[in-house]
C-alpha atoms as a PDB file:
ATOM      1  CA  MET A   1     208.880-155.517 -54.348  1.00  0.00           C
ATOM      2  CA  SER A   2     206.911-158.495 -55.667  1.00  0.00           C
ATOM      3  CA  LYS A   3     206.243-159.636 -59.216  1.00  0.00           C
ATOM      4  CA  PRO A   4     208.968-157.506 -60.889  1.00  0.00           C
ATOM      5  CA  ASN A   5     207.672-158.354 -64.367  1.00  0.00           C
ATOM      6  CA  SER A   6     204.167-157.141 -63.613  1.00  0.00           C
ATOM      7  CA  ILE A   7     202.636-154.573 -65.941  1.00  0.00           C
ATOM      8  CA  VAL A   8     202.162-152.454 -62.801  1.00  0.00           C
ATOM      9  CA  HIS A   9     205.899-151.700 -62.720  1.00  0.00           C
ATOM     10  CA  LYS A  10     205.808-150.670 -66.377  1.00  0.00           C
ATOM     11  CA  ILE A  11     202.835-148.360 -65.850  1.00  0.00           C
ATOM     12  CA  TYR A  12     204.031-146.816 -62.577  1.00  0.00           C
ATOM     13  CA  HIS A  13     207.714-146.714 -63.473  1.00  0.00           C
ATOM     14  CA  ASP A  14     209.182-144.838 -60.536  1.00  0.00           C
ATOM     15  CA  ASP A  15     211.961-146.303 -58.373  1.00  0.00           C
ATOM     16  CA  SER A  16     210.582-144.460 -55.344  1.00  0.00           C
ATOM     17  CA  LEU A  17     207.309-146.419 -55.515  1.00  0.00           C
ATOM     18  CA  SER A  18     206.944-149.696 -53.668  1.00  0.00           C
ATOM     19  CA  PHE A  19     204.019-152.082 -54.065  1.00  0.00           C
ATOM     20  CA  THR A  20     202.980-155.077 -52.026  1.00  0.00           C
ATOM     21  CA  GLU A  21     201.863-158.215 -53.810  1.00  0.00           C
ATOM     22  CA  GLU A  22     198.297-157.347 -52.757  1.00  0.00           C
ATOM     23  CA  ASP A  23     198.660-153.865 -54.304  1.00  0.00           C
ATOM     24  CA  ILE A  24     199.874-155.347 -57.572  1.00  0.00           C
ATOM     25  CA  GLU A  25     197.076-157.880 -57.776  1.00  0.00           C
ATOM     26  CA  PHE A  26     194.499-155.191 -56.970  1.00  0.00           C
ATOM     27  CA  ILE A  27     195.833-152.900 -59.731  1.00  0.00           C
ATOM     28  CA  GLU A  28     196.261-155.682 -62.303  1.00  0.00           C
ATOM     29  CA  ARG A  29     192.613-156.673 -61.956  1.00  0.00           C
ATOM     30  CA  ARG A  30     191.572-153.178 -62.992  1.00  0.00           C
ATOM     31  CA  TYR A  31     193.619-152.923 -66.189  1.00  0.00           C
ATOM     32  CA  LYS A  32     192.497-154.795 -69.280  1.00  0.00           C
ATOM     33  CA  LYS A  33     194.955-155.779 -71.993  1.00  0.00           C
ATOM     34  CA  VAL A  34     193.714-154.993 -75.509  1.00  0.00           C
ATOM     35  CA  SER A  35     195.375-155.363 -78.907  1.00  0.00           C
ATOM     36  CA  PHE A  36     194.809-153.416 -82.111  1.00  0.00           C
ATOM     37  CA  LYS A  37     196.083-153.615 -85.675  1.00  0.00           C
ATOM     38  CA  LYS A  38     197.618-150.812 -87.704  1.00  0.00           C
ATOM     39  CA  GLY A  39     194.821-148.588 -88.979  1.00  0.00           C
ATOM     40  CA  ASP A  40     192.351-149.577 -86.253  1.00  0.00           C
ATOM     41  CA  ILE A  41     190.342-146.796 -84.668  1.00  0.00           C
ATOM     42  CA  VAL A  42     190.380-147.137 -80.881  1.00  0.00           C
ATOM     43  CA  LEU A  43     187.978-144.245 -80.340  1.00  0.00           C
ATOM     44  CA  SER A  44     185.844-142.208 -82.740  1.00  0.00           C
ATOM     45  CA  VAL A  45     184.435-138.709 -82.431  1.00  0.00           C
ATOM     46  CA  ASP A  46     181.191-138.507 -80.442  1.00  0.00           C
ATOM     47  CA  GLU A  47     181.705-141.810 -78.627  1.00  0.00           C
ATOM     48  CA  LYS A  48     181.559-142.073 -74.850  1.00  0.00           C
ATOM     49  CA  VAL A  49     185.024-141.800 -73.288  1.00  0.00           C
ATOM     50  CA  ASP A  50     185.337-144.233 -70.392  1.00  0.00           C
ATOM     51  CA  TYR A  51     188.986-145.252 -70.677  1.00  0.00           C
ATOM     52  CA  GLN A  52     192.515-144.015 -70.855  1.00  0.00           C
ATOM     53  CA  TYR A  53     195.177-146.249 -72.388  1.00  0.00           C
ATOM     54  CA  PHE A  54     198.737-147.107 -71.437  1.00  0.00           C
ATOM     55  CA  VAL A  55     200.836-148.048 -74.478  1.00  0.00           C
ATOM     56  CA  SER A  56     202.776-151.269 -73.885  1.00  0.00           C
ATOM     57  CA  ASN A  57     204.000-151.266 -77.490  1.00  0.00           C
ATOM     58  CA  GLY A  58     203.058-149.680 -80.798  1.00  0.00           C
ATOM     59  CA  CYS A  59     202.296-146.138 -81.875  1.00  0.00           C
ATOM     60  CA  LEU A  60     199.016-144.204 -81.843  1.00  0.00           C
ATOM     61  CA  ARG A  61     197.757-140.707 -82.450  1.00  0.00           C
ATOM     62  CA  THR A  62     194.784-138.554 -81.542  1.00  0.00           C
ATOM     63  CA  PHE A  63     193.414-136.415 -84.362  1.00  0.00           C
ATOM     64  CA  LEU A  64     190.410-134.452 -85.528  1.00  0.00           C
ATOM     65  CA  ILE A  65     189.105-133.637 -88.977  1.00  0.00           C
ATOM     66  CA  SER A  66     188.034-130.064 -89.681  1.00  0.00           C
ATOM     67  CA  LYS A  67     184.892-129.130 -91.571  1.00  0.00           C
ATOM     68  CA  SER A  68     187.062-128.603 -94.650  1.00  0.00           C
ATOM     69  CA  GLY A  69     188.316-132.210 -94.371  1.00  0.00           C
ATOM     70  CA  LYS A  70     191.812-131.369 -93.123  1.00  0.00           C
ATOM     71  CA  GLU A  71     193.346-133.657 -90.490  1.00  0.00           C
ATOM     72  CA  HIS A  72     194.932-132.173 -87.370  1.00  0.00           C
ATOM     73  CA  THR A  73     197.061-134.506 -85.255  1.00  0.00           C
ATOM     74  CA  ILE A  74     196.955-133.523 -81.583  1.00  0.00           C
ATOM     75  CA  GLN A  75     199.133-136.133 -79.901  1.00  0.00           C
ATOM     76  CA  PHE A  76     201.315-139.150 -80.609  1.00  0.00           C
ATOM     77  CA  ALA A  77     201.793-141.960 -78.102  1.00  0.00           C
ATOM     78  CA  ILE A  78     204.529-144.589 -78.178  1.00  0.00           C
ATOM     79  CA  LYS A  79     205.720-147.273 -75.733  1.00  0.00           C
ATOM     80  CA  GLY A  80     205.375-146.112 -72.130  1.00  0.00           C
ATOM     81  CA  TRP A  81     203.036-143.200 -72.946  1.00  0.00           C
ATOM     82  CA  TRP A  82     199.356-142.637 -72.187  1.00  0.00           C
ATOM     83  CA  ILE A  83     196.612-141.659 -74.614  1.00  0.00           C
ATOM     84  CA  SER A  84     192.915-140.809 -74.509  1.00  0.00           C
ATOM     85  CA  ASP A  85     190.523-138.038 -75.444  1.00  0.00           C
ATOM     86  CA  TYR A  86     191.137-136.216 -72.176  1.00  0.00           C
ATOM     87  CA  ILE A  87     188.493-133.581 -72.818  1.00  0.00           C
ATOM     88  CA  GLY A  88     185.855-136.303 -72.918  1.00  0.00           C
ATOM     89  CA  TYR A  89     187.522-138.410 -70.233  1.00  0.00           C
ATOM     90  CA  PHE A  90     187.772-135.754 -67.535  1.00  0.00           C
ATOM     91  CA  SER A  91     184.583-133.873 -68.368  1.00  0.00           C
ATOM     92  CA  GLU A  92     182.600-137.111 -68.802  1.00  0.00           C
ATOM     93  CA  THR A  93     181.361-136.019 -72.224  1.00  0.00           C
ATOM     94  CA  ASN A  94     181.547-137.661 -75.655  1.00  0.00           C
ATOM     95  CA  SER A  95     184.820-137.591 -77.552  1.00  0.00           C
ATOM     96  CA  VAL A  96     185.914-134.716 -79.752  1.00  0.00           C
ATOM     97  CA  LEU A  97     188.943-136.637 -81.060  1.00  0.00           C
ATOM     98  CA  ASN A  98     189.701-139.899 -82.844  1.00  0.00           C
ATOM     99  CA  ILE A  99     192.379-142.321 -81.660  1.00  0.00           C
ATOM    100  CA  GLU A 100     194.105-144.268 -84.437  1.00  0.00           C
ATOM    101  CA  CYS A 101     196.734-147.011 -84.343  1.00  0.00           C
ATOM    102  CA  ILE A 102     199.619-146.065 -86.604  1.00  0.00           C
ATOM    103  CA  GLU A 103     201.271-149.406 -85.829  1.00  0.00           C
ATOM    104  CA  ASP A 104     200.027-152.657 -84.329  1.00  0.00           C
ATOM    105  CA  ALA A 105     199.617-151.890 -80.646  1.00  0.00           C
ATOM    106  CA  THR A 106     199.179-153.563 -77.272  1.00  0.00           C
ATOM    107  CA  LEU A 107     197.456-151.327 -74.741  1.00  0.00           C
ATOM    108  CA  TYR A 108     196.272-151.555 -71.167  1.00  0.00           C
ATOM    109  CA  LYS A 109     193.005-149.718 -70.694  1.00  0.00           C
ATOM    110  CA  VAL A 110     191.628-148.542 -67.389  1.00  0.00           C
ATOM    111  CA  SER A 111     188.245-146.996 -66.676  1.00  0.00           C
ATOM    112  CA  ARG A 112     187.596-143.798 -64.766  1.00  0.00           C
ATOM    113  CA  ASN A 113     185.961-145.769 -61.939  1.00  0.00           C
ATOM    114  CA  CYS A 114     188.849-148.211 -61.723  1.00  0.00           C
ATOM    115  CA  VAL A 115     191.344-145.351 -61.523  1.00  0.00           C
ATOM    116  CA  SER A 116     189.432-143.979 -58.518  1.00  0.00           C
ATOM    117  CA  GLU A 117     189.472-147.397 -56.888  1.00  0.00           C
ATOM    118  CA  ILE A 118     193.242-147.672 -57.413  1.00  0.00           C
ATOM    119  CA  TYR A 119     193.796-144.189 -55.943  1.00  0.00           C
ATOM    120  CA  ASN A 120     191.794-145.125 -52.840  1.00  0.00           C
ATOM    121  CA  GLN A 121     193.424-148.507 -52.337  1.00  0.00           C
ATOM    122  CA  VAL A 122     197.000-147.573 -53.356  1.00  0.00           C
ATOM    123  CA  PRO A 123     197.366-143.798 -52.723  1.00  0.00           C
ATOM    124  CA  VAL A 124     200.943-143.549 -54.061  1.00  0.00           C
ATOM    125  CA  THR A 125     199.578-144.084 -57.575  1.00  0.00           C
ATOM    126  CA  GLU A 126     197.578-140.852 -57.396  1.00  0.00           C
ATOM    127  CA  ARG A 127     200.713-138.812 -56.725  1.00  0.00           C
ATOM    128  CA  PHE A 128     202.503-140.542 -59.609  1.00  0.00           C
ATOM    129  CA  ILE A 129     199.660-139.822 -62.063  1.00  0.00           C
ATOM    130  CA  ARG A 130     199.267-136.256 -60.820  1.00  0.00           C
ATOM    131  CA  LYS A 131     202.928-135.584 -61.633  1.00  0.00           C
ATOM    132  CA  LYS A 132     202.467-137.013 -65.131  1.00  0.00           C
ATOM    133  CA  LEU A 133     199.369-134.864 -65.681  1.00  0.00           C
ATOM    134  CA  GLU A 134     201.238-131.762 -64.502  1.00  0.00           C
ATOM    135  CA  ARG A 135     204.019-132.429 -66.997  1.00  0.00           C
ATOM    136  CA  ALA A 136     201.474-133.056 -69.745  1.00  0.00           C
ATOM    137  CA  PHE A 137     199.714-129.771 -68.949  1.00  0.00           C
ATOM    138  CA  VAL A 138     203.009-127.884 -69.173  1.00  0.00           C
ATOM    139  CA  TYR A 139     203.799-129.601 -72.481  1.00  0.00           C
ATOM    140  CA  PHE A 140     200.441-128.710 -74.049  1.00  0.00           C
ATOM    141  CA  GLN A 141     200.742-125.074 -72.977  1.00  0.00           C
ATOM    142  CA  LYS A 142     204.230-124.923 -74.482  1.00  0.00           C
ATOM    143  CA  ARG A 143     202.841-126.365 -77.701  1.00  0.00           C
ATOM    144  CA  ILE A 144     200.114-123.721 -77.855  1.00  0.00           C
ATOM    145  CA  LEU A 145     202.709-120.992 -77.360  1.00  0.00           C
ATOM    146  CA  ALA A 146     204.950-122.553 -80.015  1.00  0.00           C
ATOM    147  CA  ASN A 147     202.095-122.606 -82.536  1.00  0.00           C
ATOM    148  CA  LEU A 148     201.474-118.929 -81.855  1.00  0.00           C
ATOM    149  CA  SER A 149     205.059-117.689 -81.857  1.00  0.00           C
ATOM    150  CA  GLN A 150     207.435-120.093 -83.634  1.00  0.00           C
ATOM    151  CA  THR A 151     208.225-120.698 -87.263  1.00  0.00           C
ATOM    152  CA  ALA A 152     207.404-124.041 -88.863  1.00  0.00           C
ATOM    153  CA  THR A 153     211.116-124.923 -88.816  1.00  0.00           C
ATOM    154  CA  GLU A 154     211.351-124.218 -85.095  1.00  0.00           C
ATOM    155  CA  ARG A 155     208.249-126.333 -84.454  1.00  0.00           C
ATOM    156  CA  TYR A 156     209.751-129.198 -86.468  1.00  0.00           C
ATOM    157  CA  LEU A 157     213.001-129.064 -84.491  1.00  0.00           C
ATOM    158  CA  ASN A 158     211.032-129.056 -81.244  1.00  0.00           C
ATOM    159  CA  PHE A 159     209.020-132.019 -82.516  1.00  0.00           C
ATOM    160  CA  ASN A 160     212.213-134.004 -83.081  1.00  0.00           C
ATOM    161  CA  HIS A 161     213.358-133.087 -79.580  1.00  0.00           C
ATOM    162  CA  ASP A 162     210.054-134.069 -77.942  1.00  0.00           C
ATOM    163  CA  TYR A 163     209.557-137.245 -80.005  1.00  0.00           C
ATOM    164  CA  PRO A 164     213.070-138.635 -80.606  1.00  0.00           C
ATOM    165  CA  ASN A 165     213.183-141.503 -83.119  1.00  0.00           C
ATOM    166  CA  ILE A 166     209.423-141.404 -83.683  1.00  0.00           C
ATOM    167  CA  GLU A 167     209.798-140.605 -87.385  1.00  0.00           C
ATOM    168  CA  GLN A 168     210.544-144.290 -88.054  1.00  0.00           C
ATOM    169  CA  HIS A 169     207.039-145.109 -86.804  1.00  0.00           C
ATOM    170  CA  ILE A 170     204.921-142.509 -88.602  1.00  0.00           C
ATOM    171  CA  LYS A 171     204.281-141.140 -92.075  1.00  0.00           C
ATOM    172  CA  ASN A 172     205.213-137.673 -93.262  1.00  0.00           C
ATOM    173  CA  TYR A 173     201.607-136.522 -93.436  1.00  0.00           C
ATOM    174  CA  HIS A 174     201.180-137.406 -89.745  1.00  0.00           C
ATOM    175  CA  ILE A 175     204.070-135.107 -88.861  1.00  0.00           C
ATOM    176  CA  ALA A 176     202.807-132.374 -91.175  1.00  0.00           C
ATOM    177  CA  SER A 177     199.314-132.542 -89.668  1.00  0.00           C
ATOM    178  CA  TYR A 178     200.827-132.318 -86.176  1.00  0.00           C
ATOM    179  CA  LEU A 179     202.870-129.256 -87.135  1.00  0.00           C
ATOM    180  CA  GLY A 180     200.002-127.636 -89.022  1.00  0.00           C
ATOM    181  CA  ILE A 181     201.863-127.524 -92.348  1.00  0.00           C
ATOM    182  CA  THR A 182     201.684-129.259 -95.725  1.00  0.00           C
ATOM    183  CA  ASN A 183     203.795-132.247 -96.795  1.00  0.00           C
ATOM    184  CA  GLU A 184     205.565-129.954 -99.253  1.00  0.00           C
ATOM    185  CA  SER A 185     206.504-127.535 -96.488  1.00  0.00           C
ATOM    186  CA  LEU A 186     207.814-130.396 -94.369  1.00  0.00           C
ATOM    187  CA  SER A 187     210.030-131.606 -97.236  1.00  0.00           C
ATOM    188  CA  ARG A 188     211.364-128.075 -97.758  1.00  0.00           C
ATOM    189  CA  ILE A 189     212.165-127.690 -94.049  1.00  0.00           C
ATOM    190  CA  ARG A 190     214.045-130.993 -93.990  1.00  0.00           C
ATOM    191  CA  LYS A 191     216.073-130.037 -97.055  1.00  0.00           C
ATOM    192  CA  GLU A 192     216.990-126.669 -95.521  1.00  0.00           C
ATOM    193  CA  ILE A 193     218.088-128.326 -92.277  1.00  0.00           C
ATOM    194  CA  ALA A 194     220.111-130.955 -94.149  1.00  0.00           C
ATOM    195  CA  LYS A 195     221.791-128.235 -96.232  1.00  0.00           C
ATOM    196  CA  LYS A 196     222.819-126.310 -93.090  1.00  0.00           C
ATOM    197  CA  SER A 197     224.155-129.494 -91.481  1.00  0.00           C
ATOM    198  CA  SER A 198     226.300-130.487 -94.469  1.00  0.00           C
END
């Protein structure tokens, strides 16, 4: 394996994958490093969605704002995760979500066309991404079921399981908007859990 410190090995982090130096150079040319500050909007609703983003460091979220003005957080992304408006990305339509940097972030963006080129030139990457998409699909279905059948406390506990240590990166209202509850309800849930643990 060549160039062990290449971003390619961080993006396609699977010990079973092996890349030639030519593979790595081909892939690297198709990813563009971009940096954002806390509070920056990477993507806004109704913009064209050409890219998905690999998070090298930082923390981001996708969210939408309802007609009543309420924010709904759909996804968080921390180091090693991917983020985009996947509805717009895969359907080649404008975005329905916003992407916001919760912390300063360094990302590697890749276009839809470049992804296809990478798949054709380095086929093992397609299998790797397909597995990640399958896991993501399972996760989102589980989240839908949880929202339909679980209590707010159960959803909060699942959140902590799915996003360990992320609370140090985000504000309470981000968590509340992800869980679909108010800040007051989140505080009450935490107090109840702390009381049971003591």
